[in-house]
Amino acid sequence: MDMKYSEFTDNVAFVDFDKSFLKISYKWLNNAKIKKLTMTPDFTEKDQLVWYNSLKDNKSYKIWGVKYGKTPIGVCGLKKITDTEAEYWGYIGDDKYWGKGIGRLMMEHTFSYSRQIGLKRLYLNVWRENDRAIHLYKKLQFKEESRGDDTIKMTKTL
């Protein structure tokens, strides 16, 4: 790993998803480019607050805010967590941080947590035209399981 890359990724932290992330993620997920890449349906700030308030009691959901230094730049997590598997999801909301290895760090962080809680498999659903994400998932040994009209389901054994 070259020094520049290492110095950059060393400044990435995974933190509690709090109301500051809630507010900025509303902005990110309503950006046309991010909305399309993440296949995010329309939602209101009220919808988002109801979802946020449900997290504390939801044992099938784990979420982290992602920071570069002190700057919030993205969010990642697991949903539909069972005894053996979960669905990975994540996005970097600030596109000036794309292409810097942070997506890989987000996934590696999630893999580590998944192993700690005993999961055997992760899966994800990706928009079929999200080439950057698909390339990363393949590099991290996700395999295509099925295709929908607009999506590809990929899985990884841990």
N, C-alpha and C. Protein backbone atom coordinates (compact mmCIF):
# COMPACT_ATOMS: atom_id res chain seq x y z
N MET A 1 0.85 -1.17 0.00
CA MET A 1 0.00 0.00 0.00
C MET A 1 0.90 1.24 0.00
N ASP A 2 0.64 2.18 -0.91
CA ASP A 2 1.51 3.35 -0.93
C ASP A 2 1.20 4.28 0.24
N MET A 3 2.16 5.10 0.59
CA MET A 3 2.06 5.96 1.77
C MET A 3 0.88 6.92 1.68
N LYS A 4 0.66 7.50 0.52
CA LYS A 4 -0.44 8.46 0.36
C LYS A 4 -1.79 7.79 0.69
N TYR A 5 -2.00 6.60 0.13
CA TYR A 5 -3.23 5.85 0.38
C TYR A 5 -3.36 5.55 1.87
N SER A 6 -2.29 5.06 2.48
CA SER A 6 -2.31 4.70 3.89
C SER A 6 -2.62 5.91 4.77
N GLU A 7 -1.98 7.03 4.48
CA GLU A 7 -2.24 8.24 5.27
C GLU A 7 -3.70 8.65 5.15
N PHE A 8 -4.25 8.51 3.96
CA PHE A 8 -5.64 8.91 3.75
C PHE A 8 -6.57 7.98 4.53
N THR A 9 -6.42 6.67 4.34
CA THR A 9 -7.35 5.73 4.97
C THR A 9 -7.16 5.64 6.47
N ASP A 10 -6.00 6.00 6.98
CA ASP A 10 -5.79 6.01 8.43
C ASP A 10 -6.67 7.05 9.13
N ASN A 11 -7.18 8.00 8.39
CA ASN A 11 -8.02 9.04 8.97
C ASN A 11 -9.51 8.72 8.92
N VAL A 12 -9.86 7.50 8.51
CA VAL A 12 -11.26 7.08 8.42
C VAL A 12 -11.66 6.44 9.74
N ALA A 13 -12.83 6.84 10.25
CA ALA A 13 -13.34 6.29 11.51
C ALA A 13 -14.79 5.87 11.34
N PHE A 14 -15.16 4.82 12.05
CA PHE A 14 -16.54 4.32 12.09
C PHE A 14 -17.11 4.69 13.45
N VAL A 15 -18.18 5.46 13.44
CA VAL A 15 -18.72 6.04 14.67
C VAL A 15 -20.22 5.76 14.77
N ASP A 16 -20.77 6.05 15.94
CA ASP A 16 -22.22 5.91 16.11
C ASP A 16 -22.95 6.79 15.11
N PHE A 17 -24.01 6.25 14.56
CA PHE A 17 -24.87 7.02 13.67
C PHE A 17 -25.80 7.84 14.56
N ASP A 18 -25.55 9.14 14.62
CA ASP A 18 -26.33 10.01 15.48
C ASP A 18 -27.14 11.00 14.64
N LYS A 19 -27.78 11.96 15.33
CA LYS A 19 -28.65 12.89 14.61
C LYS A 19 -27.88 13.78 13.64
N SER A 20 -26.59 14.00 13.87
CA SER A 20 -25.82 14.78 12.89
C SER A 20 -25.70 14.00 11.58
N PHE A 21 -25.53 12.69 11.67
CA PHE A 21 -25.50 11.86 10.46
C PHE A 21 -26.89 11.77 9.84
N LEU A 22 -27.91 11.73 10.68
CA LEU A 22 -29.27 11.67 10.17
C LEU A 22 -29.54 12.87 9.27
N LYS A 23 -29.17 14.04 9.75
CA LYS A 23 -29.42 15.27 9.00
C LYS A 23 -28.66 15.29 7.67
N ILE A 24 -27.38 14.97 7.71
CA ILE A 24 -26.60 15.03 6.47
C ILE A 24 -26.96 13.89 5.52
N SER A 25 -27.36 12.74 6.06
CA SER A 25 -27.73 11.63 5.18
C SER A 25 -29.02 11.95 4.43
N TYR A 26 -29.88 12.76 5.03
CA TYR A 26 -31.08 13.20 4.30
C TYR A 26 -30.66 13.96 3.05
N LYS A 27 -29.69 14.84 3.21
CA LYS A 27 -29.17 15.62 2.08
C LYS A 27 -28.52 14.69 1.05
N TRP A 28 -27.65 13.79 1.52
CA TRP A 28 -26.97 12.88 0.60
C TRP A 28 -27.96 12.04 -0.20
N LEU A 29 -28.93 11.44 0.50
CA LEU A 29 -29.85 10.51 -0.16
C LEU A 29 -30.88 11.21 -1.04
N ASN A 30 -30.93 12.52 -0.98
CA ASN A 30 -31.79 13.27 -1.89
C ASN A 30 -31.00 13.93 -3.02
N ASN A 31 -29.69 13.70 -3.05
CA ASN A 31 -28.87 14.09 -4.19
C ASN A 31 -29.20 13.12 -5.33
N ALA A 32 -29.50 13.63 -6.51
CA ALA A 32 -29.97 12.78 -7.62
C ALA A 32 -29.00 11.64 -7.93
N LYS A 33 -27.71 11.91 -7.92
CA LYS A 33 -26.72 10.89 -8.27
C LYS A 33 -26.69 9.79 -7.20
N ILE A 34 -26.63 10.18 -5.93
CA ILE A 34 -26.58 9.20 -4.83
C ILE A 34 -27.89 8.41 -4.78
N LYS A 35 -28.99 9.11 -4.93
CA LYS A 35 -30.31 8.47 -4.89
C LYS A 35 -30.40 7.37 -5.95
N LYS A 36 -29.90 7.66 -7.14
CA LYS A 36 -29.95 6.68 -8.22
C LYS A 36 -29.02 5.49 -7.93
N LEU A 37 -27.79 5.80 -7.53
CA LEU A 37 -26.82 4.73 -7.28
C LEU A 37 -27.23 3.81 -6.14
N THR A 38 -27.92 4.36 -5.13
CA THR A 38 -28.34 3.57 -3.97
C THR A 38 -29.77 3.06 -4.08
N MET A 39 -30.44 3.42 -5.15
CA MET A 39 -31.84 3.01 -5.37
C MET A 39 -32.73 3.42 -4.20
N THR A 40 -32.52 4.62 -3.70
CA THR A 40 -33.26 5.11 -2.54
C THR A 40 -34.63 5.61 -2.95
N PRO A 41 -35.69 5.09 -2.34
CA PRO A 41 -37.03 5.61 -2.64
C PRO A 41 -37.22 7.00 -2.04
N ASP A 42 -38.24 7.70 -2.50
CA ASP A 42 -38.56 9.00 -1.92
C ASP A 42 -38.92 8.84 -0.45
N PHE A 43 -38.51 9.80 0.38
CA PHE A 43 -38.86 9.79 1.79
C PHE A 43 -38.81 11.22 2.31
N THR A 44 -39.52 11.45 3.40
CA THR A 44 -39.56 12.78 4.01
C THR A 44 -38.65 12.79 5.24
N GLU A 45 -38.39 13.99 5.76
CA GLU A 45 -37.61 14.08 7.00
C GLU A 45 -38.35 13.40 8.14
N LYS A 46 -39.69 13.48 8.12
CA LYS A 46 -40.48 12.81 9.15
C LYS A 46 -40.32 11.28 9.04
N ASP A 47 -40.38 10.75 7.82
CA ASP A 47 -40.16 9.31 7.61
C ASP A 47 -38.80 8.89 8.16
N GLN A 48 -37.80 9.71 7.88
CA GLN A 48 -36.44 9.40 8.31
C GLN A 48 -36.33 9.42 9.84
N LEU A 49 -36.98 10.36 10.48
CA LEU A 49 -36.94 10.45 11.94
C LEU A 49 -37.63 9.24 12.58
N VAL A 50 -38.75 8.80 12.02
CA VAL A 50 -39.43 7.60 12.52
C VAL A 50 -38.49 6.40 12.40
N TRP A 51 -37.83 6.27 11.26
CA TRP A 51 -36.86 5.18 11.06
C TRP A 51 -35.73 5.27 12.09
N TYR A 52 -35.17 6.46 12.26
CA TYR A 52 -34.06 6.66 13.21
C TYR A 52 -34.49 6.26 14.63
N ASN A 53 -35.67 6.68 15.03
CA ASN A 53 -36.15 6.37 16.38
C ASN A 53 -36.41 4.88 16.58
N SER A 54 -36.61 4.14 15.49
CA SER A 54 -36.84 2.70 15.59
C SER A 54 -35.54 1.91 15.76
N LEU A 55 -34.41 2.53 15.49
CA LEU A 55 -33.14 1.80 15.49
C LEU A 55 -32.77 1.23 16.85
N LYS A 56 -33.04 1.97 17.92
CA LYS A 56 -32.60 1.52 19.26
C LYS A 56 -33.22 0.19 19.66
N ASP A 57 -34.39 -0.14 19.13
CA ASP A 57 -35.06 -1.40 19.47
C ASP A 57 -34.93 -2.45 18.37
N ASN A 58 -34.22 -2.13 17.30
CA ASN A 58 -34.14 -3.02 16.15
C ASN A 58 -32.84 -3.84 16.21
N LYS A 59 -32.96 -5.07 16.65
CA LYS A 59 -31.79 -5.95 16.79
C LYS A 59 -31.32 -6.50 15.43
N SER A 60 -32.11 -6.31 14.39
CA SER A 60 -31.74 -6.83 13.08
C SER A 60 -31.08 -5.76 12.21
N TYR A 61 -30.61 -4.68 12.84
CA TYR A 61 -30.04 -3.55 12.10
C TYR A 61 -28.84 -3.00 12.85
N LYS A 62 -27.74 -2.80 12.14
CA LYS A 62 -26.53 -2.19 12.71
C LYS A 62 -26.05 -1.12 11.73
N ILE A 63 -25.78 0.07 12.25
CA ILE A 63 -25.41 1.18 11.38
C ILE A 63 -24.25 1.98 11.98
N TRP A 64 -23.35 2.40 11.11
CA TRP A 64 -22.23 3.26 11.50
C TRP A 64 -22.20 4.50 10.63
N GLY A 65 -21.83 5.61 11.23
CA GLY A 65 -21.46 6.78 10.46
C GLY A 65 -19.99 6.63 10.09
N VAL A 66 -19.62 7.17 8.94
CA VAL A 66 -18.23 7.11 8.49
C VAL A 66 -17.70 8.54 8.42
N LYS A 67 -16.56 8.75 9.06
CA LYS A 67 -15.94 10.07 9.07
C LYS A 67 -14.54 10.00 8.48
N TYR A 68 -14.16 11.08 7.83
CA TYR A 68 -12.77 11.30 7.46
C TYR A 68 -12.30 12.45 8.33
N GLY A 69 -11.42 12.16 9.28
CA GLY A 69 -11.07 13.16 10.29
C GLY A 69 -12.33 13.47 11.08
N LYS A 70 -12.74 14.71 11.09
CA LYS A 70 -13.97 15.10 11.79
C LYS A 70 -15.15 15.28 10.85
N THR A 71 -14.93 15.01 9.56
CA THR A 71 -15.95 15.27 8.55
C THR A 71 -16.79 14.02 8.26
N PRO A 72 -18.12 14.08 8.44
CA PRO A 72 -18.97 12.97 8.04
C PRO A 72 -18.93 12.81 6.52
N ILE A 73 -18.69 11.59 6.05
CA ILE A 73 -18.60 11.38 4.61
C ILE A 73 -19.48 10.24 4.10
N GLY A 74 -20.03 9.41 5.00
CA GLY A 74 -20.82 8.28 4.54
C GLY A 74 -21.44 7.50 5.68
N VAL A 75 -22.09 6.43 5.29
CA VAL A 75 -22.81 5.57 6.23
C VAL A 75 -22.72 4.13 5.71
N CYS A 76 -22.63 3.17 6.62
CA CYS A 76 -22.68 1.77 6.22
C CYS A 76 -23.31 0.94 7.33
N GLY A 77 -23.70 -0.26 6.97
CA GLY A 77 -24.28 -1.11 7.99
C GLY A 77 -24.79 -2.43 7.47
N LEU A 78 -25.49 -3.10 8.36
CA LEU A 78 -26.12 -4.37 8.07
C LEU A 78 -27.60 -4.26 8.41
N LYS A 79 -28.41 -4.91 7.60
CA LYS A 79 -29.84 -4.99 7.92
C LYS A 79 -30.29 -6.43 7.70
N LYS A 80 -31.48 -6.72 8.20
CA LYS A 80 -32.03 -8.08 8.10
C LYS A 80 -31.07 -9.10 8.71
N ILE A 81 -30.46 -8.73 9.84
CA ILE A 81 -29.50 -9.61 10.51
C ILE A 81 -30.23 -10.81 11.13
N THR A 82 -29.74 -12.01 10.79
CA THR A 82 -30.25 -13.24 11.40
C THR A 82 -29.07 -13.89 12.14
N ASP A 83 -29.25 -15.14 12.55
CA ASP A 83 -28.16 -15.86 13.22
C ASP A 83 -27.00 -16.16 12.28
N THR A 84 -27.27 -16.22 10.97
CA THR A 84 -26.24 -16.66 10.04
C THR A 84 -25.88 -15.68 8.93
N GLU A 85 -26.76 -14.71 8.65
CA GLU A 85 -26.50 -13.82 7.52
C GLU A 85 -27.11 -12.45 7.74
N ALA A 86 -26.71 -11.52 6.87
CA ALA A 86 -27.26 -10.16 6.89
C ALA A 86 -27.05 -9.53 5.52
N GLU A 87 -27.78 -8.45 5.30
CA GLU A 87 -27.63 -7.68 4.07
C GLU A 87 -26.73 -6.48 4.32
N TYR A 88 -25.65 -6.37 3.56
CA TYR A 88 -24.76 -5.21 3.64
C TYR A 88 -25.34 -4.07 2.83
N TRP A 89 -25.12 -2.86 3.32
CA TRP A 89 -25.44 -1.66 2.55
C TRP A 89 -24.47 -0.56 2.97
N GLY A 90 -24.22 0.36 2.11
CA GLY A 90 -23.35 1.47 2.45
C GLY A 90 -23.24 2.45 1.29
N TYR A 91 -22.86 3.66 1.62
CA TYR A 91 -22.61 4.66 0.58
C TYR A 91 -21.71 5.75 1.14
N ILE A 92 -20.95 6.34 0.25
CA ILE A 92 -20.16 7.53 0.57
C ILE A 92 -20.95 8.69 0.00
N GLY A 93 -21.49 9.51 0.87
CA GLY A 93 -22.39 10.58 0.44
C GLY A 93 -21.69 11.78 -0.16
N ASP A 94 -20.44 11.97 0.19
CA ASP A 94 -19.66 13.09 -0.33
C ASP A 94 -18.76 12.56 -1.43
N ASP A 95 -19.11 12.84 -2.68
CA ASP A 95 -18.41 12.21 -3.81
C ASP A 95 -16.95 12.62 -3.96
N LYS A 96 -16.50 13.64 -3.26
CA LYS A 96 -15.07 13.95 -3.36
C LYS A 96 -14.22 12.90 -2.63
N TYR A 97 -14.87 12.01 -1.88
CA TYR A 97 -14.17 10.92 -1.20
C TYR A 97 -14.29 9.60 -1.96
N TRP A 98 -14.92 9.61 -3.13
CA TRP A 98 -15.01 8.40 -3.95
C TRP A 98 -13.64 8.08 -4.53
N GLY A 99 -13.38 6.79 -4.74
CA GLY A 99 -12.15 6.37 -5.40
C GLY A 99 -10.91 6.45 -4.53
N LYS A 100 -11.09 6.52 -3.23
CA LYS A 100 -9.94 6.68 -2.33
C LYS A 100 -9.76 5.47 -1.40
N GLY A 101 -10.49 4.38 -1.65
CA GLY A 101 -10.35 3.18 -0.84
C GLY A 101 -11.27 3.12 0.37
N ILE A 102 -12.12 4.12 0.52
CA ILE A 102 -12.99 4.16 1.70
C ILE A 102 -14.11 3.13 1.61
N GLY A 103 -14.64 2.90 0.42
CA GLY A 103 -15.67 1.87 0.26
C GLY A 103 -15.15 0.51 0.71
N ARG A 104 -13.92 0.21 0.35
CA ARG A 104 -13.29 -1.05 0.77
C ARG A 104 -13.17 -1.10 2.29
N LEU A 105 -12.74 0.00 2.91
CA LEU A 105 -12.63 0.04 4.37
C LEU A 105 -14.00 -0.18 5.03
N MET A 106 -15.03 0.42 4.45
CA MET A 106 -16.38 0.26 4.99
C MET A 106 -16.77 -1.22 4.98
N MET A 107 -16.49 -1.88 3.87
CA MET A 107 -16.84 -3.29 3.77
C MET A 107 -15.99 -4.14 4.72
N GLU A 108 -14.70 -3.87 4.79
CA GLU A 108 -13.84 -4.64 5.68
C GLU A 108 -14.25 -4.47 7.14
N HIS A 109 -14.65 -3.26 7.51
CA HIS A 109 -15.16 -3.01 8.87
C HIS A 109 -16.41 -3.86 9.12
N THR A 110 -17.28 -3.89 8.14
CA THR A 110 -18.52 -4.65 8.28
C THR A 110 -18.24 -6.15 8.31
N PHE A 111 -17.28 -6.62 7.50
CA PHE A 111 -16.90 -8.05 7.54
C PHE A 111 -16.42 -8.43 8.93
N SER A 112 -15.57 -7.60 9.50
CA SER A 112 -15.01 -7.88 10.83
C SER A 112 -16.13 -7.98 11.87
N TYR A 113 -17.03 -7.02 11.88
CA TYR A 113 -18.15 -7.05 12.82
C TYR A 113 -19.01 -8.30 12.58
N SER A 114 -19.26 -8.62 11.31
CA SER A 114 -20.10 -9.78 10.97
C SER A 114 -19.50 -11.06 11.52
N ARG A 115 -18.20 -11.21 11.39
CA ARG A 115 -17.53 -12.40 11.93
C ARG A 115 -17.62 -12.43 13.45
N GLN A 116 -17.46 -11.26 14.08
CA GLN A 116 -17.53 -11.19 15.55
C GLN A 116 -18.88 -11.67 16.08
N ILE A 117 -19.94 -11.39 15.35
CA ILE A 117 -21.27 -11.80 15.82
C ILE A 117 -21.69 -13.16 15.26
N GLY A 118 -20.78 -13.83 14.55
CA GLY A 118 -21.02 -15.20 14.11
C GLY A 118 -21.73 -15.37 12.79
N LEU A 119 -21.81 -14.33 11.98
CA LEU A 119 -22.45 -14.48 10.67
C LEU A 119 -21.57 -15.31 9.75
N LYS A 120 -22.22 -16.05 8.87
CA LYS A 120 -21.51 -16.91 7.92
C LYS A 120 -21.56 -16.36 6.50
N ARG A 121 -22.51 -15.45 6.24
CA ARG A 121 -22.72 -15.00 4.87
C ARG A 121 -23.27 -13.58 4.87
N LEU A 122 -22.82 -12.80 3.90
CA LEU A 122 -23.40 -11.48 3.65
C LEU A 122 -23.95 -11.46 2.24
N TYR A 123 -24.97 -10.68 2.03
CA TYR A 123 -25.48 -10.46 0.68
C TYR A 123 -25.76 -8.98 0.53
N LEU A 124 -25.92 -8.56 -0.70
CA LEU A 124 -26.23 -7.17 -1.00
C LEU A 124 -27.00 -7.11 -2.30
N ASN A 125 -27.67 -6.01 -2.50
CA ASN A 125 -28.37 -5.73 -3.74
C ASN A 125 -27.81 -4.43 -4.29
N VAL A 126 -27.38 -4.48 -5.54
CA VAL A 126 -26.74 -3.32 -6.15
C VAL A 126 -27.44 -3.00 -7.47
N TRP A 127 -27.57 -1.71 -7.76
CA TRP A 127 -28.13 -1.28 -9.03
C TRP A 127 -27.21 -1.77 -10.14
N ARG A 128 -27.76 -2.40 -11.15
CA ARG A 128 -26.96 -3.06 -12.19
C ARG A 128 -26.02 -2.11 -12.93
N GLU A 129 -26.27 -0.80 -12.88
CA GLU A 129 -25.40 0.16 -13.56
C GLU A 129 -24.40 0.83 -12.61
N ASN A 130 -24.33 0.39 -11.37
CA ASN A 130 -23.38 0.96 -10.41
C ASN A 130 -22.05 0.21 -10.56
N ASP A 131 -21.37 0.49 -11.66
CA ASP A 131 -20.16 -0.25 -12.02
C ASP A 131 -19.06 -0.15 -10.97
N ARG A 132 -18.89 1.02 -10.39
CA ARG A 132 -17.83 1.22 -9.39
C ARG A 132 -18.06 0.27 -8.20
N ALA A 133 -19.29 0.20 -7.71
CA ALA A 133 -19.60 -0.67 -6.58
C ALA A 133 -19.47 -2.14 -6.96
N ILE A 134 -19.98 -2.51 -8.11
CA ILE A 134 -19.91 -3.91 -8.54
C ILE A 134 -18.45 -4.36 -8.65
N HIS A 135 -17.60 -3.51 -9.18
CA HIS A 135 -16.17 -3.83 -9.29
C HIS A 135 -15.57 -4.09 -7.90
N LEU A 136 -15.89 -3.22 -6.94
CA LEU A 136 -15.39 -3.40 -5.57
C LEU A 136 -15.91 -4.71 -4.98
N TYR A 137 -17.19 -4.97 -5.12
CA TYR A 137 -17.76 -6.18 -4.54
C TYR A 137 -17.09 -7.43 -5.10
N LYS A 138 -16.83 -7.44 -6.40
CA LYS A 138 -16.16 -8.59 -7.00
C LYS A 138 -14.74 -8.74 -6.47
N LYS A 139 -14.03 -7.62 -6.30
CA LYS A 139 -12.67 -7.67 -5.75
C LYS A 139 -12.67 -8.25 -4.34
N LEU A 140 -13.77 -8.07 -3.62
CA LEU A 140 -13.88 -8.56 -2.24
C LEU A 140 -14.59 -9.91 -2.17
N GLN A 141 -14.59 -10.63 -3.28
CA GLN A 141 -15.11 -12.00 -3.38
C GLN A 141 -16.62 -12.15 -3.26
N PHE A 142 -17.37 -11.12 -3.55
CA PHE A 142 -18.81 -11.31 -3.68
C PHE A 142 -19.07 -11.97 -5.02
N LYS A 143 -20.03 -12.87 -5.05
CA LYS A 143 -20.40 -13.58 -6.27
C LYS A 143 -21.84 -13.23 -6.64
N GLU A 144 -22.07 -13.10 -7.93
CA GLU A 144 -23.42 -12.81 -8.39
C GLU A 144 -24.31 -14.03 -8.12
N GLU A 145 -25.45 -13.78 -7.47
CA GLU A 145 -26.39 -14.86 -7.18
C GLU A 145 -27.60 -14.80 -8.11
N SER A 146 -28.10 -13.60 -8.36
CA SER A 146 -29.27 -13.47 -9.24
C SER A 146 -29.37 -12.04 -9.75
N ARG A 147 -30.22 -11.88 -10.77
CA ARG A 147 -30.46 -10.55 -11.35
C ARG A 147 -31.95 -10.27 -11.38
N GLY A 148 -32.28 -9.02 -11.05
CA GLY A 148 -33.64 -8.54 -11.23
C GLY A 148 -33.64 -7.59 -12.41
N ASP A 149 -34.74 -6.88 -12.61
CA ASP A 149 -34.81 -5.94 -13.72
C ASP A 149 -33.72 -4.88 -13.62
N ASP A 150 -33.51 -4.34 -12.44
CA ASP A 150 -32.55 -3.25 -12.25
C ASP A 150 -31.44 -3.58 -11.26
N THR A 151 -31.48 -4.75 -10.65
CA THR A 151 -30.55 -5.06 -9.56
C THR A 151 -29.79 -6.36 -9.79
N ILE A 152 -28.70 -6.46 -9.07
CA ILE A 152 -27.93 -7.70 -9.00
C ILE A 152 -27.81 -8.04 -7.52
N LYS A 153 -28.16 -9.28 -7.17
CA LYS A 153 -27.95 -9.75 -5.81
C LYS A 153 -26.62 -10.49 -5.79
N MET A 154 -25.76 -10.10 -4.83
CA MET A 154 -24.44 -10.71 -4.70
C MET A 154 -24.28 -11.25 -3.28
N THR A 155 -23.50 -12.32 -3.15
CA THR A 155 -23.30 -12.94 -1.84
C THR A 155 -21.81 -13.20 -1.59
N LYS A 156 -21.48 -13.28 -0.32
CA LYS A 156 -20.10 -13.57 0.10
C LYS A 156 -20.15 -14.46 1.33
N THR A 157 -19.40 -15.54 1.28
CA THR A 157 -19.22 -16.39 2.45
C THR A 157 -18.10 -15.81 3.29
N LEU A 158 -18.34 -15.71 4.59
CA LEU A 158 -17.33 -15.13 5.49
C LEU A 158 -16.39 -16.20 6.03
